[in-house]
């Protein structure tokens, strides 16, 4: 009888403890979900519910191989955009509870909504699946994608006749490109490597592997010091020109109320990075120091004439002709020169 009573008491204590644990984790989960859309800014404190803090001896947050016990949005641990973390709650009885969460960190300042005016229109090859887009003088350098159709080519703005071109192997899907001196650098989507060409002839000179941190190759530009690459995530990577397999640093991108990923074709101009966002008709103006989106340009009125035909015909080309911006997209029949206001 005594054994049965002891077992029953133990079962009740265990049940109460389990229910309490569930209550703590559910409360924490509700709090985290409520904060996902609101987000945090650097320097904010995480004001966790009393149900969590009153039952905790200590609380820490893990970021893969990093961990902090400071419940502060510290840039030493957090990046802009979404942060996948784990809360580790050590209860006063010694038990440890864990819960995964997404913590969004937004830029403190609202992005300026920039406007534009179309200055001029130029022809663009409507069969070109534009992935990289550069201009030097009056010459366009373009990287086109699709398996079996990928190429790097150049032509005079106002025509669609190739001056020179190099086609890729059938298993290569070409992506962004950038001009560096007398060379052209080009990324590939999933081949984990890029190519270097002679700018004049577009003859292939060499190839290079990506740094391991980059999953894929999307956009590419050059700031006069480093190559700047995107891989379809929220991150933008600065790569060594002398050895593009080495990452110099990276930034994560977010606006004041929105986290961005699927960053695609890039352009560097006058101290800022401009980025297409895949399947969106917006171009972001990004501070290269911290990833903050300082401006947005909505090109829906131009893009919809192509995306209404096929949603894959997305805006995906940015270059600068003086202070005016050139834009085009995948399978677009025109290049648009616009003045930004």
Protein backbone atom coordinates (compact mmCIF):
# COMPACT_ATOMS: atom_id res chain seq x y z
CA UNK A 1 0.00 0.00 0.00
CA UNK A 2 2.78 2.42 0.95
CA UNK A 3 4.54 1.73 -2.34
CA UNK A 4 1.34 2.47 -4.26
CA UNK A 5 0.82 5.74 -2.37
CA UNK A 6 4.43 6.83 -2.94
CA UNK A 7 4.13 5.97 -6.65
CA UNK A 8 0.89 7.93 -6.92
CA UNK A 9 2.41 10.98 -5.21
CA UNK A 10 5.47 10.78 -7.47
CA UNK A 11 3.25 10.57 -10.56
CA UNK A 12 1.27 13.62 -9.43
CA UNK A 13 4.43 15.61 -8.75
CA UNK A 14 5.83 14.58 -12.12
CA UNK A 15 2.57 15.53 -13.87
CA UNK A 16 2.46 18.93 -12.15
CA UNK A 17 6.10 19.55 -13.05
CA UNK A 18 5.51 18.63 -16.71
CA UNK A 19 2.46 20.86 -16.89
CA UNK A 20 4.45 23.71 -15.36
CA UNK A 21 7.21 23.23 -17.91
CA UNK A 22 4.67 23.30 -20.74
CA UNK A 23 3.15 26.46 -19.30
CA UNK A 24 6.55 28.17 -19.17
CA UNK A 25 7.42 27.17 -22.74
CA UNK A 26 3.97 28.06 -24.09
CA UNK A 27 4.19 31.49 -22.47
CA UNK A 28 7.64 32.05 -23.96
CA UNK A 29 6.44 30.85 -27.37
CA UNK A 30 3.43 33.20 -27.30
CA UNK A 31 5.73 36.10 -26.43
CA UNK A 32 8.19 35.27 -29.21
CA UNK A 33 5.44 34.95 -31.80
CA UNK A 34 3.95 38.28 -30.73
CA UNK A 35 7.34 39.96 -31.23
CA UNK A 36 8.17 38.48 -34.65
CA UNK A 37 6.26 41.08 -36.66
CA UNK A 38 7.02 43.93 -34.26
CA UNK A 39 10.71 43.05 -34.11
CA UNK A 40 13.55 44.58 -32.11
CA UNK A 41 16.26 47.15 -32.66
CA UNK A 42 19.88 46.95 -31.55
CA UNK A 43 20.13 47.85 -27.88
CA UNK A 44 16.60 46.68 -27.02
CA UNK A 45 16.08 44.48 -23.96
CA UNK A 46 14.10 41.27 -24.27
CA UNK A 47 11.32 41.75 -21.72
CA UNK A 48 10.43 38.09 -21.19
CA UNK A 49 7.15 37.21 -19.40
CA UNK A 50 7.19 36.89 -15.59
CA UNK A 51 5.99 33.30 -15.95
CA UNK A 52 9.38 32.60 -17.52
CA UNK A 53 11.68 34.80 -15.42
CA UNK A 54 10.06 33.93 -12.05
CA UNK A 55 10.72 30.22 -12.62
CA UNK A 56 14.24 30.60 -14.01
CA UNK A 57 17.53 30.54 -12.19
CA UNK A 58 19.22 31.70 -15.40
CA UNK A 59 18.36 32.26 -19.07
CA UNK A 60 20.70 32.24 -22.03
CA UNK A 61 20.31 32.50 -25.81
CA UNK A 62 22.25 30.27 -28.20
CA UNK A 63 23.18 31.17 -31.78
CA UNK A 64 24.68 27.94 -33.06
CA UNK A 65 28.18 27.98 -31.59
CA UNK A 66 27.68 31.30 -29.74
CA UNK A 67 25.79 31.90 -26.50
CA UNK A 68 24.96 34.91 -24.33
CA UNK A 69 23.21 35.37 -21.02
CA UNK A 70 22.55 39.07 -21.75
CA UNK A 71 18.91 39.49 -22.76
CA UNK A 72 19.84 42.43 -24.97
CA UNK A 73 19.82 42.70 -28.77
CA UNK A 74 23.56 43.04 -29.01
CA UNK A 75 25.14 43.32 -32.51
CA UNK A 76 27.96 41.10 -31.22
CA UNK A 77 25.45 38.24 -31.40
CA UNK A 78 22.47 39.38 -33.47
CA UNK A 79 22.36 40.48 -37.09
CA UNK A 80 19.75 42.53 -38.89
CA UNK A 81 16.88 40.44 -40.18
CA UNK A 82 15.79 37.09 -38.81
CA UNK A 83 17.92 35.38 -36.17
CA UNK A 84 17.32 31.70 -35.47
CA UNK A 85 18.06 31.21 -31.77
CA UNK A 86 17.43 28.83 -28.88
CA UNK A 87 16.35 29.96 -25.42
CA UNK A 88 17.94 27.91 -22.63
CA UNK A 89 16.03 28.20 -19.36
CA UNK A 90 17.64 26.73 -16.27
CA UNK A 91 14.91 26.26 -13.69
CA UNK A 92 15.49 26.83 -9.99
CA UNK A 93 15.36 23.09 -9.49
CA UNK A 94 18.19 22.58 -11.97
CA UNK A 95 16.20 21.29 -14.94
CA UNK A 96 16.90 22.93 -18.31
CA UNK A 97 14.18 23.81 -20.82
CA UNK A 98 14.97 24.69 -24.43
CA UNK A 99 12.89 26.46 -27.04
CA UNK A 100 13.76 27.55 -30.59
CA UNK A 101 12.61 30.97 -31.76
CA UNK A 102 13.00 33.58 -34.49
CA UNK A 103 14.06 37.04 -33.38
CA UNK A 104 13.72 39.72 -36.03
CA UNK A 105 15.99 42.75 -35.77
CA UNK A 106 15.02 45.81 -37.79
CA UNK A 107 16.83 49.02 -38.72
CA UNK A 108 16.05 51.95 -36.44
CA UNK A 109 15.39 54.48 -39.18
CA UNK A 110 12.58 54.26 -41.77
CA UNK A 111 13.78 53.91 -45.38
CA UNK A 112 13.15 56.81 -47.73
CA UNK A 113 10.64 56.06 -50.47
CA UNK A 114 12.48 57.18 -53.58
CA UNK A 115 10.69 58.01 -56.82
CA UNK A 116 11.82 57.98 -60.43
CA UNK A 117 11.15 59.40 -63.87
CA UNK A 118 11.78 57.51 -67.12
CA UNK A 119 14.36 59.42 -69.16
CA UNK A 120 14.87 57.05 -72.09
CA UNK A 121 14.16 53.51 -73.29
CA UNK A 122 16.57 51.18 -75.11
CA UNK A 123 16.05 47.77 -76.75
CA UNK A 124 16.93 44.63 -74.78
CA UNK A 125 17.11 41.08 -76.11
CA UNK A 126 13.76 39.54 -75.01
CA UNK A 127 15.37 36.09 -74.99
CA UNK A 128 17.97 37.13 -72.40
CA UNK A 129 17.36 35.72 -68.91
CA UNK A 130 19.24 38.57 -67.23
CA UNK A 131 21.18 37.65 -64.09
CA UNK A 132 24.04 40.16 -64.12
CA UNK A 133 24.02 43.63 -65.67
CA UNK A 134 26.86 46.18 -65.90
CA UNK A 135 27.71 49.20 -68.02
CA UNK A 136 31.12 50.65 -68.85
CA UNK A 137 31.04 53.73 -71.06
CA UNK A 138 28.34 52.86 -73.56
CA UNK A 139 28.94 49.10 -73.43
CA UNK A 140 26.62 46.73 -71.56
CA UNK A 141 28.09 43.57 -70.04
CA UNK A 142 25.38 41.02 -69.30
CA UNK A 143 25.30 37.57 -67.72
CA UNK A 144 22.34 35.44 -68.80
CA UNK A 145 21.12 32.35 -66.96
CA UNK A 146 19.25 29.09 -67.62
CA UNK A 147 20.82 25.66 -68.07
CA UNK A 148 21.98 25.16 -71.65
CA UNK A 149 21.54 28.88 -72.43
CA UNK A 150 23.95 30.63 -70.06
CA UNK A 151 26.47 33.11 -71.37
CA UNK A 152 28.47 36.26 -70.70
CA UNK A 153 28.18 38.84 -73.48
CA UNK A 154 28.58 42.51 -74.26
CA UNK A 155 26.83 44.91 -76.61
CA UNK A 156 26.46 48.62 -77.24
CA UNK A 157 23.62 50.29 -75.36
CA UNK A 158 20.85 50.91 -77.92
CA UNK A 159 21.50 47.66 -79.81
CA UNK A 160 21.16 43.95 -79.07
CA UNK A 161 23.99 42.79 -81.33
CA UNK A 162 26.78 40.97 -79.43
CA UNK A 163 30.24 42.51 -79.67
CA UNK A 164 31.67 39.42 -77.95
CA UNK A 165 30.25 36.52 -75.97
CA UNK A 166 31.22 33.29 -74.24
CA UNK A 167 28.69 30.51 -73.70
CA UNK A 168 28.71 28.17 -70.72
CA UNK A 169 28.57 24.39 -70.46
CA UNK A 170 25.03 22.97 -70.37
CA UNK A 171 25.27 22.24 -66.64
CA UNK A 172 26.11 25.86 -65.73
CA UNK A 173 23.47 28.41 -64.71
CA UNK A 174 25.15 31.82 -64.91
CA UNK A 175 24.37 34.52 -62.35
CA UNK A 176 25.72 37.98 -61.40
CA UNK A 177 28.75 39.67 -62.94
CA UNK A 178 31.04 42.57 -62.05
CA UNK A 179 33.69 44.62 -63.84
CA UNK A 180 37.06 44.82 -62.07
CA UNK A 181 39.69 46.68 -64.10
CA UNK A 182 40.31 44.75 -67.30
CA UNK A 183 38.47 41.66 -66.08
CA UNK A 184 34.88 40.47 -65.68
CA UNK A 185 33.95 38.25 -62.73
CA UNK A 186 30.87 36.04 -63.03
CA UNK A 187 29.00 33.84 -60.55
CA UNK A 188 27.10 30.62 -61.15
CA UNK A 189 23.97 29.53 -59.33
CA UNK A 190 24.69 26.07 -57.92
CA UNK A 191 28.03 25.10 -59.40
CA UNK A 192 29.85 26.55 -56.34
CA UNK A 193 32.30 28.40 -58.56
CA UNK A 194 32.75 31.59 -60.53
CA UNK A 195 34.62 32.56 -63.69
CA UNK A 196 37.04 35.35 -64.61
CA UNK A 197 37.14 36.72 -68.17
CA UNK A 198 39.20 39.15 -70.17
CA UNK A 199 37.03 42.25 -70.40
CA UNK A 200 37.91 42.95 -74.03
CA UNK A 201 37.51 39.53 -75.61
CA UNK A 202 35.42 37.78 -72.90
CA UNK A 203 37.84 34.89 -73.13
CA UNK A 204 37.77 32.81 -69.94
CA UNK A 205 40.94 33.29 -67.90
CA UNK A 206 40.30 31.28 -64.73
CA UNK A 207 37.72 30.07 -62.27
CA UNK A 208 37.40 30.20 -58.48
CA UNK A 209 35.46 28.37 -55.74
CA UNK A 210 33.03 30.20 -53.47
CA UNK A 211 33.73 30.60 -49.77
CA UNK A 212 31.91 27.86 -47.87
CA UNK A 213 29.59 30.37 -46.20
CA UNK A 214 27.91 31.07 -49.56
CA UNK A 215 25.35 28.43 -50.44
CA UNK A 216 24.66 29.68 -53.97
CA UNK A 217 25.70 32.47 -56.31
CA UNK A 218 23.14 35.20 -57.11
CA UNK A 219 24.27 38.83 -57.47
CA UNK A 220 27.72 40.39 -57.84
CA UNK A 221 29.18 43.91 -57.88
CA UNK A 222 32.42 45.72 -57.00
CA UNK A 223 33.02 48.69 -54.68
CA UNK A 224 36.55 49.51 -55.82
CA UNK A 225 38.07 47.31 -53.11
CA UNK A 226 36.08 44.08 -52.69
CA UNK A 227 33.73 41.98 -54.74
CA UNK A 228 30.24 42.06 -53.19
CA UNK A 229 28.07 38.97 -53.60
CA UNK A 230 24.59 37.76 -52.67
CA UNK A 231 23.45 34.15 -52.34
CA UNK A 232 19.67 34.47 -52.12
CA UNK A 233 19.63 34.93 -48.35
CA UNK A 234 19.52 38.11 -46.24
CA UNK A 235 23.32 38.25 -46.33
CA UNK A 236 25.68 40.19 -48.59
CA UNK A 237 29.30 39.01 -48.67
CA UNK A 238 32.44 41.03 -49.30
CA UNK A 239 35.03 38.86 -51.08
CA UNK A 240 38.72 39.41 -51.74
CA UNK A 241 39.35 40.35 -55.39
CA UNK A 242 42.71 38.60 -55.36
CA UNK A 243 41.11 35.42 -54.00
CA UNK A 244 37.28 35.43 -54.21
CA UNK A 245 37.16 32.16 -52.27
CA UNK A 246 37.98 34.23 -49.15
CA UNK A 247 35.27 36.24 -47.38
CA UNK A 248 36.43 39.58 -45.96
CA UNK A 249 33.20 40.29 -44.05
CA UNK A 250 29.45 40.15 -44.46
CA UNK A 251 26.36 42.19 -43.63
CA UNK A 252 22.72 41.20 -43.12
CA UNK A 253 19.99 43.36 -44.63
CA UNK A 254 16.78 44.69 -43.07
CA UNK A 255 14.57 47.73 -43.16
CA UNK A 256 12.72 49.52 -40.38
CA UNK A 257 9.72 47.16 -40.40
CA UNK A 258 10.77 44.34 -42.70
CA UNK A 259 13.49 41.74 -43.02
CA UNK A 260 14.64 40.99 -46.55
CA UNK A 261 16.04 37.83 -48.09
CA UNK A 262 16.33 36.56 -51.67
CA UNK A 263 18.63 39.48 -52.43
CA UNK A 264 19.57 39.13 -56.08
CA UNK A 265 21.33 41.31 -58.67
CA UNK A 266 23.54 43.96 -57.07
CA UNK A 267 25.07 47.29 -58.04
CA UNK A 268 27.43 49.55 -56.08
CA UNK A 269 27.12 53.30 -56.73
CA UNK A 270 28.23 56.39 -54.81
CA UNK A 271 28.76 54.59 -51.51
CA UNK A 272 25.62 52.45 -51.50
CA UNK A 273 24.63 48.96 -52.59
CA UNK A 274 21.50 48.65 -54.72
CA UNK A 275 19.79 45.25 -54.73
CA UNK A 276 16.93 43.58 -56.53
CA UNK A 277 14.71 41.35 -54.41
CA UNK A 278 13.61 38.22 -56.27
CA UNK A 279 9.91 38.24 -57.16
CA UNK A 280 9.50 41.79 -55.89
CA UNK A 281 9.36 44.94 -58.01
CA UNK A 282 11.44 46.92 -55.55
CA UNK A 283 15.10 47.92 -55.51
CA UNK A 284 16.72 48.44 -52.12
CA UNK A 285 19.32 51.10 -51.36
CA UNK A 286 21.57 49.61 -48.67
CA UNK A 287 24.20 51.03 -46.35
CA UNK A 288 27.23 48.75 -46.95
CA UNK A 289 28.55 49.38 -43.43
CA UNK A 290 25.68 47.78 -41.52
CA UNK A 291 23.10 46.38 -43.97
CA UNK A 292 20.45 48.99 -43.16
CA UNK A 293 17.97 49.67 -45.96
CA UNK A 294 18.01 53.46 -46.31
CA UNK A 295 15.81 53.73 -49.39
CA UNK A 296 13.41 51.78 -51.59
CA UNK A 297 12.34 52.32 -55.19
CA UNK A 298 9.09 50.70 -56.34
CA UNK A 299 9.21 49.81 -60.05
CA UNK A 300 5.86 47.99 -60.16
CA UNK A 301 4.49 50.22 -62.94
CA UNK A 302 7.35 49.20 -65.24
CA UNK A 303 7.75 45.58 -64.13
CA UNK A 304 4.09 44.55 -64.24
CA UNK A 305 3.97 44.62 -68.05
CA UNK A 306 6.44 41.72 -67.96
CA UNK A 307 5.45 39.92 -64.74
CA UNK A 308 1.78 39.95 -65.77
CA UNK A 309 2.84 37.70 -68.67
CA UNK A 310 4.98 35.42 -66.49
CA UNK A 311 5.82 35.91 -62.80
CA UNK A 312 9.39 34.70 -63.50
CA UNK A 313 10.03 37.71 -65.76
CA UNK A 314 11.26 39.63 -62.75
CA UNK A 315 13.12 42.90 -62.42
CA UNK A 316 16.77 41.84 -62.27
CA UNK A 317 19.19 44.34 -63.71
CA UNK A 318 20.73 47.47 -62.19
CA UNK A 319 23.47 49.69 -63.60
CA UNK A 320 24.30 53.39 -63.45
CA UNK A 321 24.81 55.66 -66.45
CA UNK A 322 26.19 58.72 -64.72
CA UNK A 323 23.68 59.50 -61.98
CA UNK A 324 20.81 57.86 -63.85
CA UNK A 325 19.89 54.25 -63.19
CA UNK A 326 19.45 51.64 -65.92
CA UNK A 327 17.05 48.79 -65.12
CA UNK A 328 15.95 45.70 -66.99
CA UNK A 329 14.81 42.18 -66.17
CA UNK A 330 14.54 38.56 -67.17
CA UNK A 331 13.18 38.30 -70.73
CA UNK A 332 12.42 42.01 -70.85
CA UNK A 333 12.33 43.67 -74.26
CA UNK A 334 13.57 47.03 -72.97
CA UNK A 335 16.19 48.70 -70.80
CA UNK A 336 14.88 51.78 -68.97
CA UNK A 337 17.01 54.76 -68.04
CA UNK A 338 15.48 56.54 -65.04
CA UNK A 339 16.40 59.51 -62.91
CA UNK A 340 16.01 58.87 -59.19
CA UNK A 341 14.39 61.59 -57.09
